[in-house]
PDB file of all heavy atoms in Angstrom:
ATOM      1  N   LEU A   1     -22.231  25.891  29.575  1.00  0.00           N
ATOM      2  CA  LEU A   1     -22.338  27.362  29.962  1.00  0.00           C
ATOM      3  C   LEU A   1     -22.480  28.155  28.647  1.00  0.00           C
ATOM      4  O   LEU A   1     -21.511  28.714  28.071  1.00  0.00           O
ATOM      5  CB  LEU A   1     -21.111  27.798  30.721  1.00  0.00           C
ATOM      6  CG  LEU A   1     -20.889  27.127  32.079  1.00  0.00           C
ATOM      7  CD1 LEU A   1     -19.519  27.478  32.627  1.00  0.00           C
ATOM      8  CD2 LEU A   1     -21.977  27.590  33.071  1.00  0.00           C
ATOM      9  N   ASP A   2     -23.687  28.249  28.161  1.00  0.00           N
ATOM     10  CA  ASP A   2     -23.963  28.904  26.852  1.00  0.00           C
ATOM     11  C   ASP A   2     -24.691  30.238  27.005  1.00  0.00           C
ATOM     12  O   ASP A   2     -25.075  30.795  26.003  1.00  0.00           O
ATOM     13  CB  ASP A   2     -24.670  27.937  25.936  1.00  0.00           C
ATOM     14  CG  ASP A   2     -26.000  27.436  26.546  1.00  0.00           C
ATOM     15  OD1 ASP A   2     -26.278  27.787  27.744  1.00  0.00           O
ATOM     16  OD2 ASP A   2     -26.653  26.566  25.912  1.00  0.00           O
ATOM     17  N   LEU A   3     -24.947  30.648  28.231  1.00  0.00           N
ATOM     18  CA  LEU A   3     -25.651  31.950  28.437  1.00  0.00           C
ATOM     19  C   LEU A   3     -24.783  32.839  29.365  1.00  0.00           C
ATOM     20  O   LEU A   3     -23.974  32.359  30.127  1.00  0.00           O
ATOM     21  CB  LEU A   3     -27.017  31.712  29.056  1.00  0.00           C
ATOM     22  CG  LEU A   3     -28.015  30.923  28.166  1.00  0.00           C
ATOM     23  CD1 LEU A   3     -29.303  30.635  28.978  1.00  0.00           C
ATOM     24  CD2 LEU A   3     -28.351  31.681  26.898  1.00  0.00           C
ATOM     25  N   PHE A   4     -25.093  34.113  29.326  1.00  0.00           N
ATOM     26  CA  PHE A   4     -24.359  35.056  30.184  1.00  0.00           C
ATOM     27  C   PHE A   4     -25.416  35.919  30.955  1.00  0.00           C
ATOM     28  O   PHE A   4     -26.309  36.486  30.338  1.00  0.00           O
ATOM     29  CB  PHE A   4     -23.486  36.003  29.389  1.00  0.00           C
ATOM     30  CG  PHE A   4     -22.621  36.875  30.284  1.00  0.00           C
ATOM     31  CD1 PHE A   4     -21.445  36.395  30.800  1.00  0.00           C
ATOM     32  CD2 PHE A   4     -22.989  38.209  30.456  1.00  0.00           C
ATOM     33  CE1 PHE A   4     -20.634  37.192  31.601  1.00  0.00           C
ATOM     34  CE2 PHE A   4     -22.184  39.017  31.257  1.00  0.00           C
ATOM     35  CZ  PHE A   4     -21.039  38.525  31.828  1.00  0.00           C
ATOM     36  N   CYS A   5     -25.302  35.932  32.262  1.00  0.00           N
ATOM     37  CA  CYS A   5     -26.193  36.745  33.111  1.00  0.00           C
ATOM     38  C   CYS A   5     -25.563  38.088  33.276  1.00  0.00           C
ATOM     39  O   CYS A   5     -24.549  38.235  33.939  1.00  0.00           O
ATOM     40  CB  CYS A   5     -26.404  36.035  34.441  1.00  0.00           C
ATOM     41  SG  CYS A   5     -27.444  37.067  35.574  1.00  0.00           S
ATOM     42  N   ARG A   6     -26.272  39.099  32.738  1.00  0.00           N
ATOM     43  CA  ARG A   6     -25.753  40.464  32.825  1.00  0.00           C
ATOM     44  C   ARG A   6     -25.952  41.045  34.236  1.00  0.00           C
ATOM     45  O   ARG A   6     -25.194  41.951  34.639  1.00  0.00           O
ATOM     46  CB  ARG A   6     -26.383  41.349  31.807  1.00  0.00           C
ATOM     47  CG  ARG A   6     -25.914  41.039  30.362  1.00  0.00           C
ATOM     48  CD  ARG A   6     -26.567  41.875  29.303  1.00  0.00           C
ATOM     49  NE  ARG A   6     -25.935  41.723  28.020  1.00  0.00           N
ATOM     50  CZ  ARG A   6     -26.388  42.199  26.904  1.00  0.00           C
ATOM     51  NH1 ARG A   6     -27.579  42.880  26.887  1.00  0.00           N
ATOM     52  NH2 ARG A   6     -25.754  42.025  25.740  1.00  0.00           N
ATOM     53  N   ASP A   7     -26.945  40.570  34.932  1.00  0.00           N
ATOM     54  CA  ASP A   7     -27.189  41.063  36.293  1.00  0.00           C
ATOM     55  C   ASP A   7     -26.076  40.684  37.214  1.00  0.00           C
ATOM     56  O   ASP A   7     -25.557  41.476  38.044  1.00  0.00           O
ATOM     57  CB  ASP A   7     -28.495  40.569  36.804  1.00  0.00           C
ATOM     58  CG  ASP A   7     -29.718  41.219  36.064  1.00  0.00           C
ATOM     59  OD1 ASP A   7     -29.516  42.241  35.420  1.00  0.00           O
ATOM     60  OD2 ASP A   7     -30.785  40.602  36.162  1.00  0.00           O
ATOM     61  N   ASP A   8     -25.679  39.369  37.130  1.00  0.00           N
ATOM     62  CA  ASP A   8     -24.614  38.900  38.013  1.00  0.00           C
ATOM     63  C   ASP A   8     -23.239  38.811  37.379  1.00  0.00           C
ATOM     64  O   ASP A   8     -22.244  38.381  38.021  1.00  0.00           O
ATOM     65  CB  ASP A   8     -25.027  37.504  38.483  1.00  0.00           C
ATOM     66  CG  ASP A   8     -26.289  37.507  39.358  1.00  0.00           C
ATOM     67  OD1 ASP A   8     -26.536  38.568  39.979  1.00  0.00           O
ATOM     68  OD2 ASP A   8     -26.980  36.518  39.411  1.00  0.00           O
ATOM     69  N   GLN A   9     -23.200  39.157  36.087  1.00  0.00           N
ATOM     70  CA  GLN A   9     -21.937  39.154  35.329  1.00  0.00           C
ATOM     71  C   GLN A   9     -21.197  37.817  35.432  1.00  0.00           C
ATOM     72  O   GLN A   9     -20.047  37.687  35.801  1.00  0.00           O
ATOM     73  CB  GLN A   9     -20.978  40.280  35.851  1.00  0.00           C
ATOM     74  CG  GLN A   9     -21.474  41.674  35.546  1.00  0.00           C
ATOM     75  CD  GLN A   9     -21.402  41.936  33.982  1.00  0.00           C
ATOM     76  OE1 GLN A   9     -20.326  41.949  33.403  1.00  0.00           O
ATOM     77  NE2 GLN A   9     -22.581  42.208  33.408  1.00  0.00           N
ATOM     78  N   THR A  10     -21.950  36.721  35.040  1.00  0.00           N
ATOM     79  CA  THR A  10     -21.318  35.411  35.088  1.00  0.00           C
ATOM     80  C   THR A  10     -21.963  34.529  34.019  1.00  0.00           C
ATOM     81  O   THR A  10     -23.119  34.791  33.565  1.00  0.00           O
ATOM     82  CB  THR A  10     -21.571  34.794  36.482  1.00  0.00           C
ATOM     83  OG1 THR A  10     -20.805  33.521  36.571  1.00  0.00           O
ATOM     84  CG2 THR A  10     -23.048  34.496  36.754  1.00  0.00           C
ATOM     85  N   CYS A  11     -21.268  33.484  33.616  1.00  0.00           N
ATOM     86  CA  CYS A  11     -21.712  32.550  32.598  1.00  0.00           C
ATOM     87  C   CYS A  11     -22.666  31.521  33.309  1.00  0.00           C
ATOM     88  O   CYS A  11     -22.330  30.993  34.395  1.00  0.00           O
ATOM     89  CB  CYS A  11     -20.570  31.882  31.943  1.00  0.00           C
ATOM     90  SG  CYS A  11     -19.547  33.022  30.953  1.00  0.00           S
ATOM     91  N   VAL A  12     -23.779  31.162  32.618  1.00  0.00           N
ATOM     92  CA  VAL A  12     -24.704  30.227  33.220  1.00  0.00           C
ATOM     93  C   VAL A  12     -25.154  29.249  32.151  1.00  0.00           C
ATOM     94  O   VAL A  12     -24.989  29.469  30.935  1.00  0.00           O
ATOM     95  CB  VAL A  12     -25.924  30.954  33.818  1.00  0.00           C
ATOM     96  CG1 VAL A  12     -25.503  31.911  34.936  1.00  0.00           C
ATOM     97  CG2 VAL A  12     -26.674  31.780  32.760  1.00  0.00           C
ATOM     98  N   CYS A  13     -25.807  28.172  32.597  1.00  0.00           N
ATOM     99  CA  CYS A  13     -26.425  27.208  31.687  1.00  0.00           C
ATOM    100  C   CYS A  13     -27.906  27.468  31.524  1.00  0.00           C
ATOM    101  O   CYS A  13     -28.477  28.374  32.165  1.00  0.00           O
ATOM    102  CB  CYS A  13     -26.208  25.758  32.148  1.00  0.00           C
ATOM    103  SG  CYS A  13     -27.171  25.349  33.593  1.00  0.00           S
ATOM    104  N   SER A  14     -28.571  26.760  30.665  1.00  0.00           N
ATOM    105  CA  SER A  14     -29.999  26.998  30.400  1.00  0.00           C
ATOM    106  C   SER A  14     -30.875  26.767  31.636  1.00  0.00           C
ATOM    107  O   SER A  14     -31.884  27.413  31.867  1.00  0.00           O
ATOM    108  CB  SER A  14     -30.466  26.115  29.274  1.00  0.00           C
ATOM    109  OG  SER A  14     -30.229  24.718  29.564  1.00  0.00           O
ATOM    110  N   ILE A  15     -30.457  25.817  32.487  1.00  0.00           N
ATOM    111  CA  ILE A  15     -31.229  25.529  33.723  1.00  0.00           C
ATOM    112  C   ILE A  15     -31.040  26.656  34.724  1.00  0.00           C
ATOM    113  O   ILE A  15     -31.996  27.054  35.381  1.00  0.00           O
ATOM    114  CB  ILE A  15     -30.853  24.188  34.300  1.00  0.00           C
ATOM    115  CG1 ILE A  15     -31.168  23.033  33.307  1.00  0.00           C
ATOM    116  CG2 ILE A  15     -31.546  23.938  35.632  1.00  0.00           C
ATOM    117  CD1 ILE A  15     -30.818  21.646  33.826  1.00  0.00           C
ATOM    118  N   CYS A  16     -29.806  27.146  34.822  1.00  0.00           N
ATOM    119  CA  CYS A  16     -29.543  28.255  35.692  1.00  0.00           C
ATOM    120  C   CYS A  16     -30.428  29.447  35.368  1.00  0.00           C
ATOM    121  O   CYS A  16     -30.896  30.165  36.245  1.00  0.00           O
ATOM    122  CB  CYS A  16     -28.078  28.686  35.611  1.00  0.00           C
ATOM    123  SG  CYS A  16     -26.873  27.522  36.330  1.00  0.00           S
ATOM    124  N   SER A  17     -30.664  29.635  34.091  1.00  0.00           N
ATOM    125  CA  SER A  17     -31.412  30.833  33.613  1.00  0.00           C
ATOM    126  C   SER A  17     -32.861  30.796  34.059  1.00  0.00           C
ATOM    127  O   SER A  17     -33.519  31.878  34.073  1.00  0.00           O
ATOM    128  CB  SER A  17     -31.319  30.962  32.118  1.00  0.00           C
ATOM    129  OG  SER A  17     -31.989  29.915  31.466  1.00  0.00           O
ATOM    130  N   VAL A  18     -33.389  29.630  34.424  1.00  0.00           N
ATOM    131  CA  VAL A  18     -34.801  29.552  34.798  1.00  0.00           C
ATOM    132  C   VAL A  18     -34.914  29.216  36.294  1.00  0.00           C
ATOM    133  O   VAL A  18     -35.992  29.014  36.776  1.00  0.00           O
ATOM    134  CB  VAL A  18     -35.560  28.526  33.959  1.00  0.00           C
ATOM    135  CG1 VAL A  18     -35.592  28.967  32.514  1.00  0.00           C
ATOM    136  CG2 VAL A  18     -34.971  27.119  34.078  1.00  0.00           C
ATOM    137  N   THR A  19     -33.778  29.084  36.977  1.00  0.00           N
ATOM    138  CA  THR A  19     -33.797  28.763  38.433  1.00  0.00           C
ATOM    139  C   THR A  19     -33.115  29.885  39.200  1.00  0.00           C
ATOM    140  O   THR A  19     -33.795  30.901  39.531  1.00  0.00           O
ATOM    141  CB  THR A  19     -33.125  27.418  38.695  1.00  0.00           C
ATOM    142  OG1 THR A  19     -31.796  27.417  38.136  1.00  0.00           O
ATOM    143  CG2 THR A  19     -33.905  26.280  38.067  1.00  0.00           C
ATOM    144  N   ASP A  20     -31.914  29.785  39.421  1.00  0.00           N
ATOM    145  CA  ASP A  20     -31.081  30.804  40.237  1.00  0.00           C
ATOM    146  C   ASP A  20     -31.118  32.128  39.600  1.00  0.00           C
ATOM    147  O   ASP A  20     -31.008  33.135  40.314  1.00  0.00           O
ATOM    148  CB  ASP A  20     -29.676  30.316  40.477  1.00  0.00           C
ATOM    149  CG  ASP A  20     -29.629  28.996  41.262  1.00  0.00           C
ATOM    150  OD1 ASP A  20     -30.604  28.650  41.928  1.00  0.00           O
ATOM    151  OD2 ASP A  20     -28.550  28.364  41.264  1.00  0.00           O
ATOM    152  N   HIS A  21     -31.182  32.194  38.292  1.00  0.00           N
ATOM    153  CA  HIS A  21     -31.141  33.479  37.554  1.00  0.00           C
ATOM    154  C   HIS A  21     -32.433  33.779  36.899  1.00  0.00           C
ATOM    155  O   HIS A  21     -32.469  34.531  35.874  1.00  0.00           O
ATOM    156  CB  HIS A  21     -29.964  33.425  36.562  1.00  0.00           C
ATOM    157  CG  HIS A  21     -28.624  33.262  37.222  1.00  0.00           C
ATOM    158  ND1 HIS A  21     -27.791  34.332  37.547  1.00  0.00           N
ATOM    159  CD2 HIS A  21     -27.995  32.112  37.559  1.00  0.00           C
ATOM    160  CE1 HIS A  21     -26.726  33.818  38.062  1.00  0.00           C
ATOM    161  NE2 HIS A  21     -26.802  32.519  38.126  1.00  0.00           N
ATOM    162  N   LYS A  22     -33.552  33.302  37.405  1.00  0.00           N
ATOM    163  CA  LYS A  22     -34.835  33.580  36.850  1.00  0.00           C
ATOM    164  C   LYS A  22     -35.092  35.107  36.919  1.00  0.00           C
ATOM    165  O   LYS A  22     -34.795  35.775  37.903  1.00  0.00           O
ATOM    166  CB  LYS A  22     -35.881  32.833  37.648  1.00  0.00           C
ATOM    167  CG  LYS A  22     -37.308  32.937  37.035  1.00  0.00           C
ATOM    168  CD  LYS A  22     -38.315  32.136  37.872  1.00  0.00           C
ATOM    169  CE  LYS A  22     -39.712  32.275  37.284  1.00  0.00           C
ATOM    170  NZ  LYS A  22     -40.719  31.458  38.053  1.00  0.00           N
ATOM    171  N   ASN A  23     -35.654  35.643  35.866  1.00  0.00           N
ATOM    172  CA  ASN A  23     -36.023  37.034  35.719  1.00  0.00           C
ATOM    173  C   ASN A  23     -34.759  37.929  35.564  1.00  0.00           C
ATOM    174  O   ASN A  23     -34.868  39.139  35.629  1.00  0.00           O
ATOM    175  CB  ASN A  23     -36.846  37.558  36.920  1.00  0.00           C
ATOM    176  CG  ASN A  23     -38.183  36.832  37.000  1.00  0.00           C
ATOM    177  OD1 ASN A  23     -38.815  36.493  35.965  1.00  0.00           O
ATOM    178  ND2 ASN A  23     -38.641  36.586  38.231  1.00  0.00           N
ATOM    179  N   HIS A  24     -33.623  37.333  35.408  1.00  0.00           N
ATOM    180  CA  HIS A  24     -32.389  38.062  35.185  1.00  0.00           C
ATOM    181  C   HIS A  24     -32.226  38.340  33.685  1.00  0.00           C
ATOM    182  O   HIS A  24     -32.833  37.650  32.882  1.00  0.00           O
ATOM    183  CB  HIS A  24     -31.136  37.313  35.727  1.00  0.00           C
ATOM    184  CG  HIS A  24     -31.021  37.389  37.187  1.00  0.00           C
ATOM    185  ND1 HIS A  24     -29.901  36.956  37.859  1.00  0.00           N
ATOM    186  CD2 HIS A  24     -31.909  37.704  38.145  1.00  0.00           C
ATOM    187  CE1 HIS A  24     -30.068  37.062  39.173  1.00  0.00           C
ATOM    188  NE2 HIS A  24     -31.315  37.536  39.376  1.00  0.00           N
ATOM    189  N   ASN A  25     -31.448  39.325  33.356  1.00  0.00           N
ATOM    190  CA  ASN A  25     -31.137  39.627  31.985  1.00  0.00           C
ATOM    191  C   ASN A  25     -30.047  38.693  31.482  1.00  0.00           C
ATOM    192  O   ASN A  25     -28.864  38.906  31.684  1.00  0.00           O
ATOM    193  CB  ASN A  25     -30.714  41.062  31.831  1.00  0.00           C
ATOM    194  CG  ASN A  25     -30.467  41.489  30.384  1.00  0.00           C
ATOM    195  OD1 ASN A  25     -30.829  40.772  29.490  1.00  0.00           O
ATOM    196  ND2 ASN A  25     -29.816  42.614  30.217  1.00  0.00           N
ATOM    197  N   THR A  26     -30.467  37.658  30.729  1.00  0.00           N
ATOM    198  CA  THR A  26     -29.468  36.665  30.196  1.00  0.00           C
ATOM    199  C   THR A  26     -29.486  36.712  28.686  1.00  0.00           C
ATOM    200  O   THR A  26     -30.541  36.888  28.037  1.00  0.00           O
ATOM    201  CB  THR A  26     -29.775  35.261  30.690  1.00  0.00           C
ATOM    202  OG1 THR A  26     -31.151  34.898  30.327  1.00  0.00           O
ATOM    203  CG2 THR A  26     -29.640  35.146  32.208  1.00  0.00           C
ATOM    204  N   VAL A  27     -28.273  36.575  28.147  1.00  0.00           N
ATOM    205  CA  VAL A  27     -28.197  36.592  26.673  1.00  0.00           C
ATOM    206  C   VAL A  27     -27.231  35.490  26.239  1.00  0.00           C
ATOM    207  O   VAL A  27     -26.501  34.895  27.097  1.00  0.00           O
ATOM    208  CB  VAL A  27     -27.618  37.925  26.135  1.00  0.00           C
ATOM    209  CG1 VAL A  27     -28.593  39.084  26.419  1.00  0.00           C
ATOM    210  CG2 VAL A  27     -26.213  38.235  26.819  1.00  0.00           C
ATOM    211  N   ALA A  28     -27.171  35.160  24.951  1.00  0.00           N
ATOM    212  CA  ALA A  28     -26.330  34.168  24.492  1.00  0.00           C
ATOM    213  C   ALA A  28     -24.864  34.573  24.734  1.00  0.00           C
ATOM    214  O   ALA A  28     -24.508  35.757  24.661  1.00  0.00           O
ATOM    215  CB  ALA A  28     -26.536  33.914  22.996  1.00  0.00           C
ATOM    216  N   ILE A  29     -24.060  33.610  25.083  1.00  0.00           N
ATOM    217  CA  ILE A  29     -22.655  33.925  25.413  1.00  0.00           C
ATOM    218  C   ILE A  29     -21.919  34.541  24.205  1.00  0.00           C
ATOM    219  O   ILE A  29     -21.041  35.388  24.416  1.00  0.00           O
ATOM    220  CB  ILE A  29     -21.948  32.596  25.840  1.00  0.00           C
ATOM    221  CG1 ILE A  29     -20.604  32.971  26.569  1.00  0.00           C
ATOM    222  CG2 ILE A  29     -21.684  31.666  24.728  1.00  0.00           C
ATOM    223  CD1 ILE A  29     -19.992  31.751  27.221  1.00  0.00           C
ATOM    224  N   GLU A  30     -22.350  34.184  23.000  1.00  0.00           N
ATOM    225  CA  GLU A  30     -21.690  34.762  21.779  1.00  0.00           C
ATOM    226  C   GLU A  30     -22.033  36.208  21.674  1.00  0.00           C
ATOM    227  O   GLU A  30     -21.194  37.052  21.302  1.00  0.00           O
ATOM    228  CB  GLU A  30     -22.120  34.030  20.533  1.00  0.00           C
ATOM    229  CG  GLU A  30     -21.653  32.592  20.443  1.00  0.00           C
ATOM    230  CD  GLU A  30     -22.530  31.584  21.193  1.00  0.00           C
ATOM    231  OE1 GLU A  30     -23.554  32.033  21.780  1.00  0.00           O
ATOM    232  OE2 GLU A  30     -22.239  30.369  21.147  1.00  0.00           O
ATOM    233  N   GLU A  31     -23.303  36.562  21.997  1.00  0.00           N
ATOM    234  CA  GLU A  31     -23.712  37.949  21.904  1.00  0.00           C
ATOM    235  C   GLU A  31     -23.000  38.836  22.888  1.00  0.00           C
ATOM    236  O   GLU A  31     -22.477  39.943  22.592  1.00  0.00           O
ATOM    237  CB  GLU A  31     -25.204  38.060  22.162  1.00  0.00           C
ATOM    238  CG  GLU A  31     -25.800  39.500  22.147  1.00  0.00           C
ATOM    239  CD  GLU A  31     -27.258  39.562  22.455  1.00  0.00           C
ATOM    240  OE1 GLU A  31     -27.938  38.564  22.404  1.00  0.00           O
ATOM    241  OE2 GLU A  31     -27.735  40.640  22.830  1.00  0.00           O
ATOM    242  N   GLU A  32     -22.877  38.374  24.173  1.00  0.00           N
ATOM    243  CA  GLU A  32     -22.170  39.119  25.189  1.00  0.00           C
ATOM    244  C   GLU A  32     -20.698  39.238  24.870  1.00  0.00           C
ATOM    245  O   GLU A  32     -20.059  40.291  25.042  1.00  0.00           O
ATOM    246  CB  GLU A  32     -22.344  38.465  26.516  1.00  0.00           C
ATOM    247  CG  GLU A  32     -21.736  39.237  27.698  1.00  0.00           C
ATOM    248  CD  GLU A  32     -22.420  40.523  27.999  1.00  0.00           C
ATOM    249  OE1 GLU A  32     -23.546  40.747  27.482  1.00  0.00           O
ATOM    250  OE2 GLU A  32     -21.807  41.347  28.722  1.00  0.00           O
ATOM    251  N   SER A  33     -20.106  38.180  24.312  1.00  0.00           N
ATOM    252  CA  SER A  33     -18.727  38.184  23.954  1.00  0.00           C
ATOM    253  C   SER A  33     -18.422  39.215  22.872  1.00  0.00           C
ATOM    254  O   SER A  33     -17.445  39.947  23.003  1.00  0.00           O
ATOM    255  CB  SER A  33     -18.262  36.811  23.486  1.00  0.00           C
ATOM    256  OG  SER A  33     -16.943  36.801  23.083  1.00  0.00           O
TER     257      SER A  33
END
């Protein structure tokens, strides 16, 4: 879980970011933290 979805306010993995969270605003977990 190395990414954070700002639209859904949850931590996601790289595959999530291109599937369930496609077109969502995702950033590195370190940046959001």
